[in-house]
Amino acid sequence: VREAHSWAGTASAISMSLNGLIIMALPAVTMFHIEKAMEEEKEALEKMPYDEEVREAEENEEQRKLMYREITKWQHLGVGWRSLMIIANISMSFSCYLVMGASAMCFEKFTMKDNIEDDLPNGAMSLIKFWGWMAILAFTFATILLYIFDKWSNLKTDKAMKQLGHSGMKKTLSSGSEGDVEIGGDDKAAGRVGAAVVTTVAAAPVRNDGMT
């Protein structure tokens, strides 16, 4: 069987090389045509009125990003959420280092020229060794923890945005030594919103799970 498919290794290398070239070329070609279109239609684009609904949506999204960034700062997280993030980080790192640094411990040697029936008598699942399953388990566990954190942080952000919305989205929040920063401003300094952002919702956590 291996002799009949001796060409597979060469074909695989050629295919991977072509695939890499295409992946690298596509973004460059795309950017070239975008810049060309923008240059040719520059005057028309400048005369085109800005969509106010889009502008408002972009401003709201920017405000939400600032709020999310502040809420998820390490110093604003409770002990429970910090512990969750530490465990998730350790699990993900363990999985990555195990697979990348000790792949021989995780998987049986198998190439494009090999055959499942001949080289894996116990079936395709025997390709994964014990430590391979441990890496998969650690990766899955970390992904679940990160998903939980993401859901919580988004719920917390939505709750904070609603509270700020009741005050017209122009609530000035104290930021300690950095002074007062107004959420929704165009200045880049808005990115330095202080810890008081979190106190807006600290007294009303999203859910009583003991982690806030």
N, C-alpha and C. Protein backbone atom coordinates (compact mmCIF):
# COMPACT_ATOMS: atom_id res chain seq x y z
N VAL A 1 0.84 -1.21 0.00
CA VAL A 1 0.00 0.00 0.00
C VAL A 1 0.87 1.25 0.00
N ARG A 2 1.96 1.23 0.77
CA ARG A 2 2.82 2.40 0.84
C ARG A 2 3.51 2.66 -0.49
N GLU A 3 3.95 1.57 -1.18
CA GLU A 3 4.60 1.73 -2.47
C GLU A 3 3.64 2.31 -3.51
N ALA A 4 2.38 1.88 -3.44
CA ALA A 4 1.39 2.37 -4.40
C ALA A 4 1.10 3.85 -4.20
N HIS A 5 1.33 4.35 -3.00
CA HIS A 5 1.06 5.77 -2.71
C HIS A 5 2.34 6.49 -2.33
N SER A 6 3.44 6.12 -2.91
CA SER A 6 4.72 6.75 -2.59
C SER A 6 4.75 8.22 -3.00
N TRP A 7 3.87 8.59 -3.92
CA TRP A 7 3.81 9.97 -4.39
C TRP A 7 3.09 10.90 -3.41
N ALA A 8 2.42 10.31 -2.40
CA ALA A 8 1.59 11.12 -1.50
C ALA A 8 2.41 12.14 -0.73
N GLY A 9 3.62 11.77 -0.29
CA GLY A 9 4.44 12.71 0.46
C GLY A 9 4.80 13.94 -0.34
N THR A 10 5.22 13.72 -1.60
CA THR A 10 5.56 14.85 -2.47
C THR A 10 4.34 15.71 -2.77
N ALA A 11 3.22 15.05 -3.05
CA ALA A 11 1.98 15.78 -3.34
C ALA A 11 1.54 16.60 -2.15
N SER A 12 1.72 16.04 -0.95
CA SER A 12 1.35 16.76 0.26
C SER A 12 2.19 18.02 0.44
N ALA A 13 3.50 17.90 0.23
CA ALA A 13 4.40 19.05 0.38
C ALA A 13 4.07 20.14 -0.64
N ILE A 14 3.81 19.73 -1.87
CA ILE A 14 3.46 20.71 -2.91
C ILE A 14 2.15 21.41 -2.59
N SER A 15 1.17 20.64 -2.17
CA SER A 15 -0.15 21.20 -1.84
C SER A 15 -0.05 22.19 -0.68
N MET A 16 0.72 21.85 0.35
CA MET A 16 0.88 22.74 1.49
C MET A 16 1.58 24.03 1.09
N SER A 17 2.58 23.91 0.20
CA SER A 17 3.29 25.10 -0.26
C SER A 17 2.37 26.03 -1.05
N LEU A 18 1.59 25.44 -1.96
CA LEU A 18 0.65 26.24 -2.75
C LEU A 18 -0.40 26.89 -1.85
N ASN A 19 -0.87 26.14 -0.86
CA ASN A 19 -1.86 26.67 0.06
C ASN A 19 -1.30 27.86 0.83
N GLY A 20 -0.03 27.75 1.28
CA GLY A 20 0.60 28.85 1.99
C GLY A 20 0.76 30.08 1.14
N LEU A 21 1.15 29.89 -0.12
CA LEU A 21 1.30 31.02 -1.04
C LEU A 21 -0.03 31.73 -1.28
N ILE A 22 -1.08 30.95 -1.45
CA ILE A 22 -2.41 31.54 -1.68
C ILE A 22 -2.87 32.33 -0.47
N ILE A 23 -2.66 31.76 0.72
CA ILE A 23 -3.07 32.44 1.96
C ILE A 23 -2.33 33.77 2.12
N MET A 24 -1.05 33.79 1.77
CA MET A 24 -0.27 35.02 1.89
C MET A 24 -0.63 36.03 0.80
N ALA A 25 -0.98 35.54 -0.38
CA ALA A 25 -1.25 36.44 -1.50
C ALA A 25 -2.62 37.10 -1.42
N LEU A 26 -3.62 36.38 -0.93
CA LEU A 26 -5.00 36.89 -0.93
C LEU A 26 -5.15 38.23 -0.18
N PRO A 27 -4.62 38.36 1.06
CA PRO A 27 -4.76 39.66 1.74
C PRO A 27 -4.12 40.80 0.98
N ALA A 28 -2.95 40.54 0.38
CA ALA A 28 -2.26 41.60 -0.37
C ALA A 28 -3.06 42.03 -1.59
N VAL A 29 -3.62 41.06 -2.31
CA VAL A 29 -4.43 41.38 -3.49
C VAL A 29 -5.69 42.13 -3.08
N THR A 30 -6.30 41.70 -1.98
CA THR A 30 -7.52 42.35 -1.48
C THR A 30 -7.25 43.80 -1.11
N MET A 31 -6.18 44.05 -0.34
CA MET A 31 -5.84 45.40 0.07
C MET A 31 -5.51 46.29 -1.14
N PHE A 32 -4.86 45.72 -2.14
CA PHE A 32 -4.52 46.48 -3.34
C PHE A 32 -5.78 47.00 -4.02
N HIS A 33 -6.77 46.14 -4.20
CA HIS A 33 -7.99 46.54 -4.89
C HIS A 33 -8.83 47.49 -4.03
N ILE A 34 -8.80 47.31 -2.72
CA ILE A 34 -9.53 48.23 -1.85
C ILE A 34 -8.93 49.63 -1.93
N GLU A 35 -7.61 49.72 -1.83
CA GLU A 35 -6.94 51.02 -1.91
C GLU A 35 -7.14 51.66 -3.29
N LYS A 36 -7.14 50.84 -4.32
CA LYS A 36 -7.36 51.35 -5.67
C LYS A 36 -8.76 51.93 -5.81
N ALA A 37 -9.75 51.21 -5.28
CA ALA A 37 -11.13 51.69 -5.35
C ALA A 37 -11.32 52.97 -4.54
N MET A 38 -10.67 53.03 -3.36
CA MET A 38 -10.78 54.23 -2.52
C MET A 38 -10.14 55.43 -3.19
N GLU A 39 -9.05 55.21 -3.91
CA GLU A 39 -8.37 56.32 -4.59
C GLU A 39 -9.19 56.80 -5.77
N GLU A 40 -9.77 55.87 -6.53
CA GLU A 40 -10.54 56.24 -7.71
C GLU A 40 -11.86 56.90 -7.33
N GLU A 41 -12.44 56.48 -6.22
CA GLU A 41 -13.74 57.01 -5.80
C GLU A 41 -13.61 57.94 -4.60
N LYS A 42 -12.44 58.55 -4.44
CA LYS A 42 -12.18 59.39 -3.27
C LYS A 42 -13.17 60.54 -3.14
N GLU A 43 -13.37 61.27 -4.23
CA GLU A 43 -14.28 62.43 -4.19
C GLU A 43 -15.70 62.01 -3.87
N ALA A 44 -16.15 60.93 -4.49
CA ALA A 44 -17.51 60.46 -4.25
C ALA A 44 -17.68 60.01 -2.81
N LEU A 45 -16.67 59.38 -2.25
CA LEU A 45 -16.73 58.92 -0.87
C LEU A 45 -16.76 60.10 0.10
N GLU A 46 -15.99 61.13 -0.20
CA GLU A 46 -15.96 62.30 0.68
C GLU A 46 -17.29 63.05 0.66
N LYS A 47 -17.98 63.06 -0.48
CA LYS A 47 -19.27 63.75 -0.59
C LYS A 47 -20.42 62.93 0.00
N MET A 48 -20.19 61.66 0.19
CA MET A 48 -21.25 60.80 0.70
C MET A 48 -21.56 61.14 2.16
N PRO A 49 -22.81 61.42 2.49
CA PRO A 49 -23.17 61.75 3.88
C PRO A 49 -22.96 60.56 4.81
N TYR A 50 -22.57 60.88 6.03
CA TYR A 50 -22.34 59.81 7.02
C TYR A 50 -23.67 59.35 7.58
N ASP A 51 -23.84 58.06 7.69
CA ASP A 51 -25.07 57.48 8.23
C ASP A 51 -25.10 57.69 9.74
N GLU A 52 -26.05 58.49 10.20
CA GLU A 52 -26.12 58.82 11.62
C GLU A 52 -26.40 57.58 12.48
N GLU A 53 -27.18 56.66 11.96
CA GLU A 53 -27.45 55.44 12.72
C GLU A 53 -26.17 54.63 12.90
N VAL A 54 -25.36 54.60 11.85
CA VAL A 54 -24.08 53.90 11.95
C VAL A 54 -23.16 54.61 12.93
N ARG A 55 -23.13 55.96 12.86
CA ARG A 55 -22.30 56.73 13.78
C ARG A 55 -22.70 56.46 15.24
N GLU A 56 -24.01 56.48 15.49
CA GLU A 56 -24.50 56.24 16.84
C GLU A 56 -24.15 54.84 17.31
N ALA A 57 -24.30 53.86 16.41
CA ALA A 57 -23.98 52.48 16.76
C ALA A 57 -22.49 52.32 17.07
N GLU A 58 -21.64 53.01 16.30
CA GLU A 58 -20.21 52.95 16.54
C GLU A 58 -19.85 53.59 17.87
N GLU A 59 -20.49 54.71 18.19
CA GLU A 59 -20.22 55.37 19.47
C GLU A 59 -20.66 54.49 20.64
N ASN A 60 -21.83 53.87 20.50
CA ASN A 60 -22.30 52.98 21.56
C ASN A 60 -21.37 51.78 21.74
N GLU A 61 -20.87 51.26 20.62
CA GLU A 61 -19.96 50.12 20.68
C GLU A 61 -18.64 50.52 21.35
N GLU A 62 -18.17 51.73 21.05
CA GLU A 62 -16.93 52.20 21.66
C GLU A 62 -17.11 52.39 23.17
N GLN A 63 -18.28 52.92 23.56
CA GLN A 63 -18.57 53.08 24.98
C GLN A 63 -18.62 51.72 25.68
N ARG A 64 -19.21 50.76 24.99
CA ARG A 64 -19.31 49.42 25.59
C ARG A 64 -17.93 48.79 25.74
N LYS A 65 -17.06 49.01 24.75
CA LYS A 65 -15.71 48.46 24.83
C LYS A 65 -14.96 49.04 26.02
N LEU A 66 -15.12 50.36 26.24
CA LEU A 66 -14.47 50.99 27.38
C LEU A 66 -14.99 50.42 28.69
N MET A 67 -16.29 50.22 28.77
CA MET A 67 -16.89 49.68 29.98
C MET A 67 -16.43 48.24 30.21
N TYR A 68 -16.43 47.44 29.15
CA TYR A 68 -15.99 46.04 29.26
C TYR A 68 -14.53 45.96 29.71
N ARG A 69 -13.71 46.83 29.11
CA ARG A 69 -12.29 46.85 29.45
C ARG A 69 -12.08 47.17 30.93
N GLU A 70 -12.88 48.11 31.43
CA GLU A 70 -12.72 48.52 32.82
C GLU A 70 -13.24 47.44 33.78
N ILE A 71 -14.38 46.85 33.45
CA ILE A 71 -14.97 45.83 34.31
C ILE A 71 -14.08 44.60 34.42
N THR A 72 -13.39 44.26 33.34
CA THR A 72 -12.58 43.04 33.33
C THR A 72 -11.14 43.27 33.76
N LYS A 73 -10.81 44.48 34.21
CA LYS A 73 -9.47 44.71 34.74
C LYS A 73 -9.26 43.83 35.97
N TRP A 74 -8.04 43.35 36.12
CA TRP A 74 -7.73 42.39 37.19
C TRP A 74 -8.09 42.93 38.56
N GLN A 75 -7.77 44.21 38.81
CA GLN A 75 -8.01 44.77 40.14
C GLN A 75 -9.49 44.94 40.46
N HIS A 76 -10.36 44.81 39.45
CA HIS A 76 -11.79 44.96 39.67
C HIS A 76 -12.52 43.61 39.79
N LEU A 77 -11.79 42.52 39.62
CA LEU A 77 -12.40 41.20 39.70
C LEU A 77 -12.37 40.68 41.12
N GLY A 78 -13.42 39.91 41.46
CA GLY A 78 -13.46 39.29 42.77
C GLY A 78 -12.50 38.11 42.84
N VAL A 79 -12.32 37.58 44.05
CA VAL A 79 -11.40 36.46 44.25
C VAL A 79 -11.83 35.25 43.42
N GLY A 80 -13.13 35.01 43.35
CA GLY A 80 -13.63 33.86 42.60
C GLY A 80 -13.29 33.93 41.12
N TRP A 81 -13.49 35.12 40.53
CA TRP A 81 -13.21 35.27 39.10
C TRP A 81 -11.72 35.27 38.82
N ARG A 82 -10.93 35.80 39.74
CA ARG A 82 -9.47 35.73 39.57
C ARG A 82 -9.00 34.27 39.60
N SER A 83 -9.55 33.52 40.53
CA SER A 83 -9.18 32.11 40.64
C SER A 83 -9.57 31.36 39.37
N LEU A 84 -10.76 31.66 38.85
CA LEU A 84 -11.22 31.02 37.62
C LEU A 84 -10.27 31.31 36.46
N MET A 85 -9.84 32.56 36.33
CA MET A 85 -8.95 32.93 35.23
C MET A 85 -7.57 32.29 35.38
N ILE A 86 -7.09 32.19 36.61
CA ILE A 86 -5.79 31.55 36.85
C ILE A 86 -5.84 30.08 36.48
N ILE A 87 -6.91 29.40 36.90
CA ILE A 87 -7.06 27.98 36.59
C ILE A 87 -7.19 27.77 35.09
N ALA A 88 -7.98 28.62 34.43
CA ALA A 88 -8.15 28.52 32.98
C ALA A 88 -6.82 28.73 32.26
N ASN A 89 -6.04 29.71 32.71
CA ASN A 89 -4.75 29.99 32.09
C ASN A 89 -3.77 28.83 32.27
N ILE A 90 -3.75 28.26 33.47
CA ILE A 90 -2.86 27.12 33.73
C ILE A 90 -3.27 25.92 32.88
N SER A 91 -4.57 25.67 32.79
CA SER A 91 -5.06 24.53 32.00
C SER A 91 -4.73 24.70 30.52
N MET A 92 -4.96 25.91 29.99
CA MET A 92 -4.68 26.16 28.59
C MET A 92 -3.19 26.07 28.30
N SER A 93 -2.37 26.63 29.19
CA SER A 93 -0.91 26.57 29.01
C SER A 93 -0.43 25.13 29.07
N PHE A 94 -0.96 24.36 30.02
CA PHE A 94 -0.59 22.95 30.14
C PHE A 94 -0.90 22.19 28.85
N SER A 95 -2.07 22.45 28.28
CA SER A 95 -2.48 21.78 27.05
C SER A 95 -1.56 22.16 25.89
N CYS A 96 -1.29 23.45 25.75
CA CYS A 96 -0.47 23.91 24.62
C CYS A 96 0.96 23.42 24.72
N TYR A 97 1.57 23.53 25.90
CA TYR A 97 2.95 23.10 26.07
C TYR A 97 3.08 21.59 25.90
N LEU A 98 2.07 20.86 26.34
CA LEU A 98 2.12 19.41 26.23
C LEU A 98 2.07 18.97 24.76
N VAL A 99 1.15 19.58 24.00
CA VAL A 99 1.00 19.21 22.59
C VAL A 99 2.18 19.69 21.75
N MET A 100 2.64 20.92 22.01
CA MET A 100 3.71 21.49 21.20
C MET A 100 5.09 20.97 21.60
N GLY A 101 5.29 20.74 22.90
CA GLY A 101 6.61 20.35 23.37
C GLY A 101 6.82 18.87 23.57
N ALA A 102 5.74 18.13 23.68
CA ALA A 102 5.88 16.68 23.91
C ALA A 102 4.83 15.93 23.10
N SER A 103 4.78 16.23 21.82
CA SER A 103 3.75 15.63 20.96
C SER A 103 3.90 14.12 20.86
N ALA A 104 5.15 13.61 20.99
CA ALA A 104 5.37 12.17 20.91
C ALA A 104 4.70 11.43 22.07
N MET A 105 4.53 12.14 23.20
CA MET A 105 3.85 11.55 24.35
C MET A 105 2.34 11.58 24.17
N CYS A 106 1.88 12.44 23.27
CA CYS A 106 0.44 12.64 23.13
C CYS A 106 -0.17 11.85 21.97
N PHE A 107 0.59 11.68 20.89
CA PHE A 107 0.03 11.06 19.69
C PHE A 107 0.98 10.03 19.09
N GLU A 108 0.41 9.03 18.48
CA GLU A 108 1.18 8.04 17.73
C GLU A 108 1.70 8.68 16.46
N LYS A 109 2.84 8.23 15.99
CA LYS A 109 3.39 8.76 14.75
C LYS A 109 2.54 8.29 13.58
N PHE A 110 2.07 9.26 12.79
CA PHE A 110 1.17 8.94 11.68
C PHE A 110 1.33 10.03 10.62
N THR A 111 1.57 9.64 9.39
CA THR A 111 1.79 10.60 8.31
C THR A 111 0.75 10.39 7.20
N MET A 112 0.85 11.23 6.19
CA MET A 112 -0.06 11.13 5.05
C MET A 112 0.09 9.81 4.30
N LYS A 113 1.28 9.20 4.39
CA LYS A 113 1.54 7.96 3.68
C LYS A 113 1.09 6.72 4.45
N ASP A 114 0.74 6.91 5.72
CA ASP A 114 0.30 5.78 6.55
C ASP A 114 -1.16 5.45 6.29
N ASN A 115 -1.54 4.27 6.75
CA ASN A 115 -2.90 3.79 6.56
C ASN A 115 -3.47 3.40 7.92
N ILE A 116 -4.72 3.81 8.18
CA ILE A 116 -5.32 3.56 9.50
C ILE A 116 -5.41 2.06 9.78
N GLU A 117 -5.84 1.29 8.81
CA GLU A 117 -6.02 -0.15 9.02
C GLU A 117 -4.70 -0.86 9.27
N ASP A 118 -3.64 -0.44 8.57
CA ASP A 118 -2.35 -1.11 8.71
C ASP A 118 -1.52 -0.59 9.87
N ASP A 119 -1.57 0.72 10.12
CA ASP A 119 -0.70 1.32 11.12
C ASP A 119 -1.39 1.59 12.45
N LEU A 120 -2.72 1.59 12.46
CA LEU A 120 -3.47 1.77 13.71
C LEU A 120 -4.47 0.63 13.85
N PRO A 121 -3.99 -0.53 14.28
CA PRO A 121 -4.86 -1.71 14.35
C PRO A 121 -6.06 -1.55 15.29
N ASN A 122 -5.94 -0.66 16.27
CA ASN A 122 -7.04 -0.45 17.23
C ASN A 122 -7.98 0.67 16.81
N GLY A 123 -7.83 1.14 15.57
CA GLY A 123 -8.72 2.19 15.08
C GLY A 123 -8.10 3.57 15.18
N ALA A 124 -8.79 4.54 14.59
CA ALA A 124 -8.27 5.91 14.53
C ALA A 124 -8.10 6.53 15.91
N MET A 125 -8.95 6.15 16.88
CA MET A 125 -8.87 6.76 18.20
C MET A 125 -7.59 6.37 18.93
N SER A 126 -6.95 5.27 18.52
CA SER A 126 -5.70 4.87 19.17
C SER A 126 -4.55 5.79 18.78
N LEU A 127 -4.81 6.72 17.86
CA LEU A 127 -3.80 7.71 17.50
C LEU A 127 -3.48 8.61 18.69
N ILE A 128 -4.45 8.78 19.58
CA ILE A 128 -4.28 9.66 20.74
C ILE A 128 -3.85 8.83 21.95
N LYS A 129 -2.73 9.19 22.54
CA LYS A 129 -2.23 8.51 23.72
C LYS A 129 -2.84 9.12 24.99
N PHE A 130 -2.43 8.59 26.14
CA PHE A 130 -2.99 9.05 27.42
C PHE A 130 -2.79 10.55 27.59
N TRP A 131 -1.55 11.03 27.40
CA TRP A 131 -1.28 12.45 27.60
C TRP A 131 -1.95 13.31 26.54
N GLY A 132 -2.24 12.72 25.40
CA GLY A 132 -3.01 13.45 24.40
C GLY A 132 -4.42 13.72 24.88
N TRP A 133 -5.02 12.71 25.51
CA TRP A 133 -6.36 12.90 26.08
C TRP A 133 -6.33 13.91 27.22
N MET A 134 -5.23 13.90 28.00
CA MET A 134 -5.11 14.88 29.08
C MET A 134 -5.03 16.30 28.51
N ALA A 135 -4.31 16.46 27.40
CA ALA A 135 -4.21 17.77 26.77
C ALA A 135 -5.56 18.23 26.23
N ILE A 136 -6.29 17.32 25.63
CA ILE A 136 -7.62 17.65 25.10
C ILE A 136 -8.57 18.01 26.24
N LEU A 137 -8.50 17.24 27.33
CA LEU A 137 -9.34 17.51 28.49
C LEU A 137 -9.03 18.87 29.10
N ALA A 138 -7.72 19.18 29.24
CA ALA A 138 -7.32 20.46 29.81
C ALA A 138 -7.77 21.62 28.92
N PHE A 139 -7.64 21.46 27.61
CA PHE A 139 -8.07 22.49 26.66
C PHE A 139 -9.58 22.72 26.76
N THR A 140 -10.34 21.63 26.81
CA THR A 140 -11.80 21.74 26.91
C THR A 140 -12.21 22.41 28.21
N PHE A 141 -11.56 22.02 29.31
CA PHE A 141 -11.86 22.59 30.62
C PHE A 141 -11.58 24.09 30.63
N ALA A 142 -10.43 24.49 30.08
CA ALA A 142 -10.07 25.91 30.03
C ALA A 142 -11.05 26.70 29.16
N THR A 143 -11.47 26.11 28.04
CA THR A 143 -12.41 26.77 27.15
C THR A 143 -13.75 27.01 27.84
N ILE A 144 -14.21 26.03 28.62
CA ILE A 144 -15.47 26.18 29.35
C ILE A 144 -15.37 27.30 30.37
N LEU A 145 -14.24 27.34 31.11
CA LEU A 145 -14.05 28.40 32.11
C LEU A 145 -14.01 29.77 31.47
N LEU A 146 -13.31 29.89 30.35
CA LEU A 146 -13.23 31.17 29.65
C LEU A 146 -14.60 31.58 29.08
N TYR A 147 -15.38 30.60 28.65
CA TYR A 147 -16.73 30.88 28.16
C TYR A 147 -17.61 31.42 29.29
N ILE A 148 -17.48 30.81 30.46
CA ILE A 148 -18.25 31.28 31.62
C ILE A 148 -17.87 32.71 31.98
N PHE A 149 -16.56 33.00 31.98
CA PHE A 149 -16.10 34.35 32.30
C PHE A 149 -16.59 35.35 31.25
N ASP A 150 -16.54 34.96 29.99
CA ASP A 150 -16.99 35.85 28.92
C ASP A 150 -18.48 36.16 29.06
N LYS A 151 -19.29 35.16 29.36
CA LYS A 151 -20.73 35.38 29.53
C LYS A 151 -20.99 36.31 30.71
N TRP A 152 -20.30 36.06 31.83
CA TRP A 152 -20.49 36.90 33.01
C TRP A 152 -20.08 38.34 32.73
N SER A 153 -18.90 38.53 32.13
CA SER A 153 -18.40 39.88 31.89
C SER A 153 -19.30 40.65 30.92
N ASN A 154 -19.86 39.96 29.94
CA ASN A 154 -20.76 40.63 29.01
C ASN A 154 -22.08 41.00 29.68
N LEU A 155 -22.58 40.13 30.54
CA LEU A 155 -23.80 40.45 31.29
C LEU A 155 -23.55 41.64 32.22
N LYS A 156 -22.40 41.65 32.88
CA LYS A 156 -22.04 42.74 33.77
C LYS A 156 -21.92 44.05 32.99
N THR A 157 -21.32 43.98 31.81
CA THR A 157 -21.16 45.17 30.98
C THR A 157 -22.52 45.69 30.51
N ASP A 158 -23.40 44.79 30.07
CA ASP A 158 -24.73 45.19 29.63
C ASP A 158 -25.49 45.87 30.76
N LYS A 159 -25.34 45.34 31.96
CA LYS A 159 -26.04 45.93 33.12
C LYS A 159 -25.51 47.33 33.41
N ALA A 160 -24.18 47.48 33.33
CA ALA A 160 -23.57 48.79 33.57
C ALA A 160 -23.97 49.79 32.49
N MET A 161 -24.03 49.34 31.24
CA MET A 161 -24.41 50.23 30.15
C MET A 161 -25.85 50.70 30.29
N LYS A 162 -26.72 49.82 30.75
CA LYS A 162 -28.12 50.20 30.96
C LYS A 162 -28.22 51.25 32.04
N GLN A 163 -27.44 51.09 33.12
CA GLN A 163 -27.47 52.06 34.21
C GLN A 163 -26.94 53.42 33.74
N LEU A 164 -25.89 53.40 32.93
CA LEU A 164 -25.38 54.66 32.40
C LEU A 164 -26.35 55.25 31.39
N GLY A 165 -27.08 54.39 30.68
CA GLY A 165 -28.05 54.86 29.70
C GLY A 165 -29.16 55.66 30.33
N HIS A 166 -29.51 55.31 31.57
CA HIS A 166 -30.57 56.05 32.26
C HIS A 166 -30.14 57.48 32.56
N SER A 167 -28.82 57.72 32.57
CA SER A 167 -28.33 59.08 32.83
C SER A 167 -27.86 59.74 31.54
N GLY A 168 -28.30 59.21 30.39
CA GLY A 168 -28.01 59.83 29.10
C GLY A 168 -26.66 59.51 28.53
N MET A 169 -25.98 58.50 29.03
CA MET A 169 -24.68 58.07 28.52
C MET A 169 -23.61 59.16 28.64
N LYS A 170 -23.85 60.14 29.50
CA LYS A 170 -22.88 61.21 29.67
C LYS A 170 -22.50 61.33 31.15
N LYS A 171 -22.48 60.20 31.82
CA LYS A 171 -22.20 60.19 33.24
C LYS A 171 -20.71 60.40 33.48
N THR A 172 -20.37 61.39 34.24
CA THR A 172 -18.98 61.66 34.56
C THR A 172 -18.59 60.84 35.77
N LEU A 173 -17.53 60.07 35.65
CA LEU A 173 -17.13 59.15 36.70
C LEU A 173 -15.77 59.55 37.24
N SER A 174 -15.66 59.52 38.56
CA SER A 174 -14.38 59.85 39.17
C SER A 174 -13.37 58.76 38.90
N SER A 175 -12.16 59.15 38.55
CA SER A 175 -11.12 58.16 38.27
C SER A 175 -9.88 58.40 39.12
N GLY A 176 -10.09 58.88 40.33
CA GLY A 176 -8.99 59.04 41.26
C GLY A 176 -7.99 60.08 40.79
N SER A 177 -6.72 59.68 40.74
CA SER A 177 -5.65 60.60 40.39
C SER A 177 -5.72 61.03 38.93
N GLU A 178 -6.46 60.30 38.11
CA GLU A 178 -6.54 60.64 36.70
C GLU A 178 -7.61 61.70 36.41
N GLY A 179 -8.34 62.10 37.44
CA GLY A 179 -9.36 63.12 37.23
C GLY A 179 -10.66 62.52 36.76
N ASP A 180 -11.57 63.40 36.31
CA ASP A 180 -12.88 62.96 35.85
C ASP A 180 -12.84 62.72 34.35
N VAL A 181 -13.38 61.60 33.94
CA VAL A 181 -13.43 61.26 32.53
C VAL A 181 -14.87 61.03 32.14
N GLU A 182 -15.30 61.60 31.02
CA GLU A 182 -16.67 61.48 30.57
C GLU A 182 -16.80 60.35 29.57
N ILE A 183 -17.60 59.36 29.90
CA ILE A 183 -17.81 58.24 28.99
C ILE A 183 -18.48 58.75 27.72
N GLY A 184 -18.00 58.28 26.57
CA GLY A 184 -18.61 58.63 25.31
C GLY A 184 -17.92 59.79 24.61
N GLY A 185 -16.89 60.37 25.23
CA GLY A 185 -16.17 61.43 24.57
C GLY A 185 -15.34 60.91 23.42
N ASP A 186 -14.96 61.81 22.53
CA ASP A 186 -14.17 61.42 21.37
C ASP A 186 -12.69 61.35 21.68
N ASP A 187 -12.26 61.97 22.79
CA ASP A 187 -10.86 62.00 23.13
C ASP A 187 -10.36 60.60 23.48
N LYS A 188 -9.13 60.31 23.08
CA LYS A 188 -8.56 59.00 23.39
C LYS A 188 -8.38 58.81 24.89
N ALA A 189 -8.37 59.92 25.62
CA ALA A 189 -8.23 59.81 27.07
C ALA A 189 -9.39 59.08 27.70
N ALA A 190 -10.48 58.92 26.94
CA ALA A 190 -11.63 58.18 27.47
C ALA A 190 -11.26 56.74 27.79
N GLY A 191 -10.19 56.27 27.16
CA GLY A 191 -9.74 54.92 27.44
C GLY A 191 -9.15 54.76 28.81
N ARG A 192 -8.96 55.89 29.54
CA ARG A 192 -8.38 55.84 30.87
C ARG A 192 -9.46 55.99 31.93
N VAL A 193 -10.63 55.50 31.65
CA VAL A 193 -11.72 55.58 32.62
C VAL A 193 -11.30 54.90 33.91
N GLY A 194 -11.55 55.52 35.04
CA GLY A 194 -11.03 55.02 36.31
C GLY A 194 -11.82 53.89 36.91
N ALA A 195 -11.37 53.46 38.07
CA ALA A 195 -11.97 52.31 38.73
C ALA A 195 -13.41 52.58 39.16
N ALA A 196 -13.81 53.83 39.22
CA ALA A 196 -15.17 54.16 39.65
C ALA A 196 -16.21 53.65 38.69
N VAL A 197 -15.81 53.29 37.46
CA VAL A 197 -16.77 52.72 36.51
C VAL A 197 -17.41 51.49 37.09
N VAL A 198 -16.58 50.67 37.71
CA VAL A 198 -17.09 49.41 38.24
C VAL A 198 -17.98 49.63 39.44
N THR A 199 -17.70 50.68 40.24
CA THR A 199 -18.52 50.92 41.41
C THR A 199 -19.95 51.28 41.03
N THR A 200 -20.18 51.66 39.79
CA THR A 200 -21.52 51.96 39.32
C THR A 200 -22.42 50.74 39.44
N VAL A 201 -21.85 49.56 39.27
CA VAL A 201 -22.65 48.34 39.30
C VAL A 201 -22.19 47.39 40.40
N ALA A 202 -21.20 47.80 41.19
CA ALA A 202 -20.66 46.89 42.20
C ALA A 202 -21.70 46.49 43.24
N ALA A 203 -22.62 47.44 43.52
CA ALA A 203 -23.62 47.17 44.54
C ALA A 203 -24.75 46.29 44.02
N ALA A 204 -24.76 46.06 42.69
CA ALA A 204 -25.82 45.23 42.11
C ALA A 204 -25.22 44.24 41.14
N PRO A 205 -24.59 43.16 41.64
CA PRO A 205 -23.96 42.21 40.75
C PRO A 205 -24.98 41.53 39.86
N VAL A 206 -24.48 41.01 38.72
CA VAL A 206 -25.37 40.39 37.74
C VAL A 206 -26.08 39.20 38.34
N ARG A 207 -25.36 38.39 39.12
CA ARG A 207 -25.98 37.24 39.76
C ARG A 207 -25.28 36.98 41.06
N ASN A 208 -25.97 36.49 42.01
CA ASN A 208 -25.43 36.27 43.33
C ASN A 208 -24.72 34.91 43.37
N ASP A 209 -23.51 34.87 42.75
CA ASP A 209 -22.78 33.62 42.69
C ASP A 209 -21.54 33.64 43.58
N GLY A 210 -21.39 34.72 44.36
CA GLY A 210 -20.30 34.78 45.30
C GLY A 210 -18.95 35.04 44.67
N MET A 211 -18.92 35.36 43.38
CA MET A 211 -17.64 35.54 42.70
C MET A 211 -17.38 36.99 42.37
N THR A 212 -18.38 37.86 42.52
CA THR A 212 -18.20 39.27 42.16
C THR A 212 -17.59 40.02 43.32
